[in-house]
Protein backbone atom coordinates (compact mmCIF):
# COMPACT_ATOMS: atom_id res chain seq x y z
CA MET A 1 19.55 3.14 6.57
CA PRO A 2 17.43 6.30 4.62
CA THR A 3 15.47 4.62 0.85
CA GLU A 4 15.46 6.46 -1.51
CA ARG A 5 11.85 7.77 -2.47
CA ASN A 6 9.76 6.52 -5.77
CA VAL A 7 6.43 7.42 -3.89
CA GLY A 8 5.08 10.37 -4.07
CA GLY A 9 1.99 12.25 -5.24
CA THR A 10 -1.08 11.00 -6.91
CA ASP A 11 0.45 8.17 -6.38
CA ARG A 12 0.72 7.90 -2.50
CA ILE A 13 -2.97 9.08 -2.51
CA VAL A 14 -4.25 6.30 -3.92
CA ARG A 15 -2.18 3.44 -1.93
CA ALA A 16 -3.43 4.90 0.73
CA VAL A 17 -7.23 5.00 -0.02
CA LEU A 18 -6.48 1.14 -0.87
CA ALA A 19 -4.57 0.04 2.37
CA ALA A 20 -7.84 1.92 3.93
CA VAL A 21 -10.06 -0.25 1.74
CA CYS A 22 -8.20 -3.53 2.32
CA THR A 23 -7.96 -2.46 5.46
CA VAL A 24 -11.80 -2.20 6.00
CA LEU A 25 -12.15 -5.07 3.50
CA ALA A 26 -9.84 -7.52 6.00
CA VAL A 27 -11.78 -6.52 9.36
CA SER A 28 -15.22 -7.61 7.94
CA ALA A 29 -14.20 -10.97 6.39
CA LEU A 30 -12.67 -12.86 9.22
CA ARG A 31 -14.93 -10.99 11.71
CA ALA A 32 -17.40 -13.06 9.13
CA GLY A 33 -14.63 -16.51 9.67
CA ARG A 34 -12.79 -15.55 6.28
CA ARG A 35 -9.68 -16.19 7.55
CA SER A 36 -7.72 -16.63 3.64
CA LEU A 37 -9.15 -13.37 2.65
CA GLY A 38 -8.97 -11.86 5.78
CA THR A 39 -5.43 -12.96 5.97
CA VAL A 40 -3.59 -11.75 2.77
CA ALA A 41 -6.44 -8.02 2.44
CA ALA A 42 -4.52 -7.63 6.16
CA LEU A 43 -1.37 -7.78 4.06
CA ALA A 44 -2.26 -6.36 1.66
CA ALA A 45 -3.15 -3.53 3.46
CA VAL A 46 -0.21 -3.49 5.40
CA GLY A 47 1.86 -3.43 2.50
CA LEU A 48 0.28 -0.06 0.95
CA GLY A 49 0.67 1.37 3.95
CA PHE A 50 4.03 1.01 4.60
CA ASN A 51 4.24 2.49 0.65
CA THR A 52 2.86 5.45 1.94
CA VAL A 53 4.50 6.07 5.07
CA THR A 54 7.71 4.88 3.77
CA CYS A 55 7.18 6.68 -0.19
CA PHE A 56 8.94 3.51 -1.15
CA CYS A 57 7.85 0.16 -3.45
CA GLY A 58 9.62 -2.36 -4.27
CA LEU A 59 8.31 -3.52 -7.26
CA ASN A 60 8.50 0.47 -8.28
CA LYS A 61 12.41 0.09 -7.28
CA ALA A 62 11.95 -2.95 -9.34
CA LEU A 63 10.39 -1.57 -12.15
CA GLY A 64 12.58 0.97 -12.83
CA ILE A 65 9.44 3.18 -11.96
CA ASP A 66 9.24 6.78 -10.43
CA THR A 67 6.33 8.68 -9.23
CA THR A 68 7.44 11.51 -7.12
CA GLY A 69 7.19 14.11 -10.00
CA ASP A 70 3.78 13.37 -9.97
CA GLY A 71 1.02 16.25 -8.82
CA GLU A 72 3.67 17.78 -7.06
């Protein structure tokens, strides 16, 4: 079942960068023994990565936001 696209352009790039930052934060926090922060950062990285790859965001859909026309 294909999902509709509602993430594109600059929004997608920002999400990809934030996913990378959250991944680094998660690894650093987990290495330092800060499991709660590491887990939250890892979950954020997975969510943002999902948004980047699939070009779909459930929150955008709920709020009626569509950025597919931005920057393309």
